[in-house]
Amino acid sequence: MAQLIRRNPALDCAALLERARVAGGRRMLFLGLAVAQNFFGASLPPQVAESVRGDARTSRLARQVEARHYSGPLAVVKPWKEAAFPQQLMDRDD
C-alpha cells in the first residue's frame, strides 16, 4: 500500500475511497492506509488521513497489528482473537 501511494502521487483517493465503500471494503482500505502511514511513513492526503483517523475501529485494529508486529515471532497466538480479526474488518457499525 505504501509503495502504491509513493509511486502514484496523482492517485485519486476520493475515487478509491468511494470504490472501497461501494464494495464494502472501506475499513480494510483504511487499515491498509493506516499501516502504510504508521509503519512505512506513507504520506496520505490530509482528508484521507483524517478519515482513517476518524474511524475508531480502524484505529483499534491498527494498534493490534502494531502490537502483533512488535511482539516478535515467538508470541503466543490466541486463536479466538485471530479468528475475530477478519470479522472486525467488515464495514459494519460498532
N, C-alpha and C. Protein backbone atom coordinates (compact mmCIF):
# COMPACT_ATOMS: atom_id res chain seq x y z
N MET A 1 0.84 -1.18 0.00
CA MET A 1 0.00 0.00 0.00
C MET A 1 0.89 1.25 0.00
N ALA A 2 1.93 1.24 0.83
CA ALA A 2 2.82 2.40 0.89
C ALA A 2 3.48 2.65 -0.46
N GLN A 3 3.91 1.58 -1.13
CA GLN A 3 4.53 1.74 -2.45
C GLN A 3 3.53 2.24 -3.47
N LEU A 4 2.31 1.77 -3.39
CA LEU A 4 1.26 2.24 -4.30
C LEU A 4 1.08 3.75 -4.15
N ILE A 5 1.05 4.21 -2.93
CA ILE A 5 0.88 5.64 -2.66
C ILE A 5 2.09 6.43 -3.17
N ARG A 6 3.28 5.92 -2.87
CA ARG A 6 4.51 6.63 -3.28
C ARG A 6 4.65 6.70 -4.80
N ARG A 7 4.31 5.62 -5.46
CA ARG A 7 4.51 5.54 -6.92
C ARG A 7 3.40 6.21 -7.72
N ASN A 8 2.33 6.56 -7.05
CA ASN A 8 1.19 7.18 -7.74
C ASN A 8 0.74 8.44 -7.01
N PRO A 9 1.55 9.49 -7.05
CA PRO A 9 1.20 10.70 -6.31
C PRO A 9 -0.10 11.35 -6.78
N ALA A 10 -0.53 11.05 -8.00
CA ALA A 10 -1.77 11.63 -8.51
C ALA A 10 -2.96 10.68 -8.31
N LEU A 11 -2.79 9.69 -7.44
CA LEU A 11 -3.85 8.72 -7.17
C LEU A 11 -5.11 9.44 -6.72
N ASP A 12 -6.22 9.11 -7.33
CA ASP A 12 -7.49 9.73 -6.99
C ASP A 12 -8.04 9.04 -5.74
N CYS A 13 -7.66 9.56 -4.59
CA CYS A 13 -8.02 8.94 -3.31
C CYS A 13 -9.52 8.99 -3.06
N ALA A 14 -10.17 10.03 -3.49
CA ALA A 14 -11.62 10.13 -3.30
C ALA A 14 -12.32 9.00 -4.05
N ALA A 15 -11.90 8.74 -5.27
CA ALA A 15 -12.48 7.64 -6.05
C ALA A 15 -12.17 6.29 -5.42
N LEU A 16 -10.95 6.14 -4.93
CA LEU A 16 -10.54 4.90 -4.28
C LEU A 16 -11.39 4.65 -3.03
N LEU A 17 -11.58 5.67 -2.22
CA LEU A 17 -12.42 5.54 -1.02
C LEU A 17 -13.86 5.20 -1.39
N GLU A 18 -14.37 5.81 -2.43
CA GLU A 18 -15.74 5.54 -2.85
C GLU A 18 -15.89 4.11 -3.36
N ARG A 19 -14.93 3.65 -4.13
CA ARG A 19 -14.99 2.27 -4.62
C ARG A 19 -14.92 1.28 -3.47
N ALA A 20 -14.09 1.57 -2.48
CA ALA A 20 -14.00 0.69 -1.31
C ALA A 20 -15.31 0.69 -0.55
N ARG A 21 -15.93 1.85 -0.42
CA ARG A 21 -17.20 1.95 0.29
C ARG A 21 -18.27 1.12 -0.41
N VAL A 22 -18.36 1.27 -1.73
CA VAL A 22 -19.36 0.54 -2.51
C VAL A 22 -19.13 -0.97 -2.41
N ALA A 23 -17.87 -1.38 -2.38
CA ALA A 23 -17.54 -2.80 -2.32
C ALA A 23 -17.61 -3.36 -0.90
N GLY A 24 -17.84 -2.49 0.09
CA GLY A 24 -17.89 -2.96 1.47
C GLY A 24 -16.52 -3.17 2.08
N GLY A 25 -15.50 -2.57 1.49
CA GLY A 25 -14.13 -2.77 1.96
C GLY A 25 -13.47 -1.50 2.48
N ARG A 26 -14.26 -0.53 2.88
CA ARG A 26 -13.69 0.74 3.35
C ARG A 26 -12.76 0.54 4.54
N ARG A 27 -13.19 -0.25 5.51
CA ARG A 27 -12.36 -0.45 6.70
C ARG A 27 -11.07 -1.20 6.36
N MET A 28 -11.14 -2.15 5.43
CA MET A 28 -9.93 -2.85 5.01
C MET A 28 -8.96 -1.88 4.36
N LEU A 29 -9.49 -0.99 3.51
CA LEU A 29 -8.65 0.02 2.90
C LEU A 29 -8.06 0.94 3.96
N PHE A 30 -8.91 1.37 4.90
CA PHE A 30 -8.43 2.25 5.98
C PHE A 30 -7.30 1.59 6.76
N LEU A 31 -7.45 0.30 7.07
CA LEU A 31 -6.40 -0.38 7.82
C LEU A 31 -5.11 -0.43 7.01
N GLY A 32 -5.22 -0.75 5.73
CA GLY A 32 -4.03 -0.76 4.87
C GLY A 32 -3.36 0.60 4.81
N LEU A 33 -4.16 1.66 4.74
CA LEU A 33 -3.61 3.01 4.71
C LEU A 33 -2.98 3.38 6.05
N ALA A 34 -3.62 2.99 7.15
CA ALA A 34 -3.08 3.29 8.48
C ALA A 34 -1.74 2.59 8.67
N VAL A 35 -1.65 1.34 8.27
CA VAL A 35 -0.39 0.59 8.39
C VAL A 35 0.67 1.20 7.48
N ALA A 36 0.29 1.57 6.26
CA ALA A 36 1.24 2.20 5.34
C ALA A 36 1.79 3.49 5.93
N GLN A 37 0.92 4.25 6.57
CA GLN A 37 1.36 5.51 7.17
C GLN A 37 2.19 5.27 8.43
N ASN A 38 1.71 4.41 9.33
CA ASN A 38 2.37 4.21 10.62
C ASN A 38 3.68 3.45 10.53
N PHE A 39 3.74 2.41 9.69
CA PHE A 39 4.92 1.56 9.61
C PHE A 39 5.90 1.99 8.54
N PHE A 40 5.37 2.51 7.45
CA PHE A 40 6.22 2.78 6.29
C PHE A 40 6.32 4.24 5.91
N GLY A 41 5.73 5.10 6.73
CA GLY A 41 5.86 6.54 6.52
C GLY A 41 5.18 7.07 5.28
N ALA A 42 4.20 6.35 4.77
CA ALA A 42 3.47 6.83 3.59
C ALA A 42 2.75 8.13 3.94
N SER A 43 2.79 9.06 3.03
CA SER A 43 2.14 10.35 3.23
C SER A 43 0.75 10.31 2.59
N LEU A 44 -0.27 10.40 3.43
CA LEU A 44 -1.64 10.37 2.94
C LEU A 44 -2.14 11.79 2.75
N PRO A 45 -2.99 12.00 1.76
CA PRO A 45 -3.61 13.32 1.62
C PRO A 45 -4.37 13.64 2.93
N PRO A 46 -4.36 14.90 3.34
CA PRO A 46 -4.96 15.27 4.63
C PRO A 46 -6.38 14.76 4.85
N GLN A 47 -7.23 14.87 3.83
CA GLN A 47 -8.62 14.43 4.02
C GLN A 47 -8.71 12.91 4.19
N VAL A 48 -7.82 12.17 3.54
CA VAL A 48 -7.80 10.72 3.69
C VAL A 48 -7.28 10.34 5.07
N ALA A 49 -6.19 10.99 5.49
CA ALA A 49 -5.64 10.72 6.82
C ALA A 49 -6.67 11.00 7.90
N GLU A 50 -7.43 12.07 7.73
CA GLU A 50 -8.47 12.43 8.70
C GLU A 50 -9.57 11.37 8.74
N SER A 51 -9.98 10.87 7.58
CA SER A 51 -11.00 9.82 7.51
C SER A 51 -10.52 8.54 8.20
N VAL A 52 -9.27 8.19 7.95
CA VAL A 52 -8.70 6.98 8.56
C VAL A 52 -8.64 7.14 10.07
N ARG A 53 -8.14 8.27 10.54
CA ARG A 53 -8.05 8.52 11.99
C ARG A 53 -9.43 8.59 12.63
N GLY A 54 -10.42 9.03 11.87
CA GLY A 54 -11.76 9.20 12.41
C GLY A 54 -12.53 7.91 12.60
N ASP A 55 -12.00 6.81 12.10
CA ASP A 55 -12.69 5.52 12.26
C ASP A 55 -12.10 4.80 13.47
N ALA A 56 -12.86 4.76 14.56
CA ALA A 56 -12.37 4.20 15.82
C ALA A 56 -11.97 2.74 15.69
N ARG A 57 -12.74 1.96 14.95
CA ARG A 57 -12.41 0.54 14.81
C ARG A 57 -11.09 0.37 14.05
N THR A 58 -10.88 1.16 13.02
CA THR A 58 -9.61 1.08 12.28
C THR A 58 -8.45 1.41 13.20
N SER A 59 -8.61 2.40 14.06
CA SER A 59 -7.54 2.75 15.00
C SER A 59 -7.22 1.59 15.92
N ARG A 60 -8.26 0.91 16.42
CA ARG A 60 -8.04 -0.25 17.29
C ARG A 60 -7.34 -1.37 16.53
N LEU A 61 -7.78 -1.63 15.30
CA LEU A 61 -7.17 -2.69 14.51
C LEU A 61 -5.71 -2.37 14.19
N ALA A 62 -5.42 -1.12 13.89
CA ALA A 62 -4.04 -0.73 13.60
C ALA A 62 -3.16 -0.93 14.83
N ARG A 63 -3.69 -0.63 16.01
CA ARG A 63 -2.93 -0.88 17.24
C ARG A 63 -2.69 -2.38 17.45
N GLN A 64 -3.67 -3.21 17.09
CA GLN A 64 -3.49 -4.65 17.20
C GLN A 64 -2.41 -5.14 16.26
N VAL A 65 -2.42 -4.63 15.04
CA VAL A 65 -1.39 -5.00 14.07
C VAL A 65 -0.01 -4.59 14.59
N GLU A 66 0.08 -3.38 15.11
CA GLU A 66 1.36 -2.89 15.64
C GLU A 66 1.82 -3.75 16.81
N ALA A 67 0.92 -4.06 17.74
CA ALA A 67 1.28 -4.88 18.90
C ALA A 67 1.74 -6.26 18.45
N ARG A 68 1.05 -6.80 17.49
CA ARG A 68 1.41 -8.13 16.98
C ARG A 68 2.79 -8.08 16.31
N HIS A 69 3.04 -7.03 15.56
CA HIS A 69 4.32 -6.89 14.88
C HIS A 69 5.47 -6.80 15.88
N TYR A 70 5.30 -6.01 16.91
CA TYR A 70 6.37 -5.79 17.86
C TYR A 70 6.45 -6.86 18.95
N SER A 71 5.52 -7.81 18.97
CA SER A 71 5.56 -8.85 19.99
C SER A 71 6.57 -9.93 19.63
N GLY A 72 7.06 -9.91 18.41
CA GLY A 72 8.09 -10.86 17.99
C GLY A 72 7.51 -12.15 17.44
N PRO A 73 8.35 -12.93 16.78
CA PRO A 73 7.87 -14.14 16.11
C PRO A 73 7.46 -15.26 17.07
N LEU A 74 7.91 -15.21 18.32
CA LEU A 74 7.59 -16.27 19.26
C LEU A 74 6.40 -15.95 20.14
N ALA A 75 5.66 -14.94 19.78
CA ALA A 75 4.49 -14.55 20.58
C ALA A 75 3.45 -15.66 20.57
N VAL A 76 2.77 -15.77 21.69
CA VAL A 76 1.70 -16.77 21.79
C VAL A 76 0.50 -16.26 21.00
N VAL A 77 0.03 -17.08 20.10
CA VAL A 77 -1.13 -16.73 19.28
C VAL A 77 -2.39 -17.19 20.01
N LYS A 78 -3.33 -16.30 20.12
CA LYS A 78 -4.61 -16.63 20.76
C LYS A 78 -5.62 -16.84 19.63
N PRO A 79 -5.92 -18.10 19.32
CA PRO A 79 -6.77 -18.39 18.15
C PRO A 79 -8.11 -17.66 18.16
N TRP A 80 -8.72 -17.49 19.32
CA TRP A 80 -10.02 -16.82 19.36
C TRP A 80 -9.88 -15.35 18.96
N LYS A 81 -8.76 -14.73 19.25
CA LYS A 81 -8.55 -13.35 18.83
C LYS A 81 -8.22 -13.30 17.34
N GLU A 82 -7.42 -14.25 16.88
CA GLU A 82 -7.05 -14.29 15.46
C GLU A 82 -8.29 -14.52 14.60
N ALA A 83 -9.19 -15.37 15.03
CA ALA A 83 -10.39 -15.66 14.26
C ALA A 83 -11.32 -14.45 14.18
N ALA A 84 -11.31 -13.61 15.20
CA ALA A 84 -12.19 -12.44 15.24
C ALA A 84 -11.68 -11.29 14.39
N PHE A 85 -10.39 -11.26 14.10
CA PHE A 85 -9.79 -10.13 13.40
C PHE A 85 -10.45 -9.86 12.04
N PRO A 86 -10.60 -10.87 11.17
CA PRO A 86 -11.23 -10.59 9.86
C PRO A 86 -12.66 -10.05 9.99
N GLN A 87 -13.39 -10.50 10.98
CA GLN A 87 -14.75 -10.01 11.18
C GLN A 87 -14.77 -8.52 11.50
N GLN A 88 -13.73 -8.06 12.19
CA GLN A 88 -13.65 -6.66 12.56
C GLN A 88 -13.35 -5.76 11.37
N LEU A 89 -12.88 -6.35 10.29
CA LEU A 89 -12.58 -5.58 9.09
C LEU A 89 -13.81 -5.27 8.27
N MET A 90 -14.91 -5.91 8.58
CA MET A 90 -16.15 -5.73 7.83
C MET A 90 -16.69 -4.32 8.05
N ASP A 91 -17.27 -3.76 7.02
CA ASP A 91 -17.87 -2.42 7.10
C ASP A 91 -19.23 -2.50 7.77
N ARG A 92 -19.21 -2.55 9.07
CA ARG A 92 -20.44 -2.53 9.86
C ARG A 92 -20.26 -1.50 10.96
N ASP A 93 -21.34 -0.98 11.41
CA ASP A 93 -21.26 -0.05 12.54
C ASP A 93 -20.98 -0.82 13.80
N ASP A 94 -20.29 -0.15 14.73
CA ASP A 94 -19.96 -0.80 16.02
C ASP A 94 -21.20 -1.01 16.85
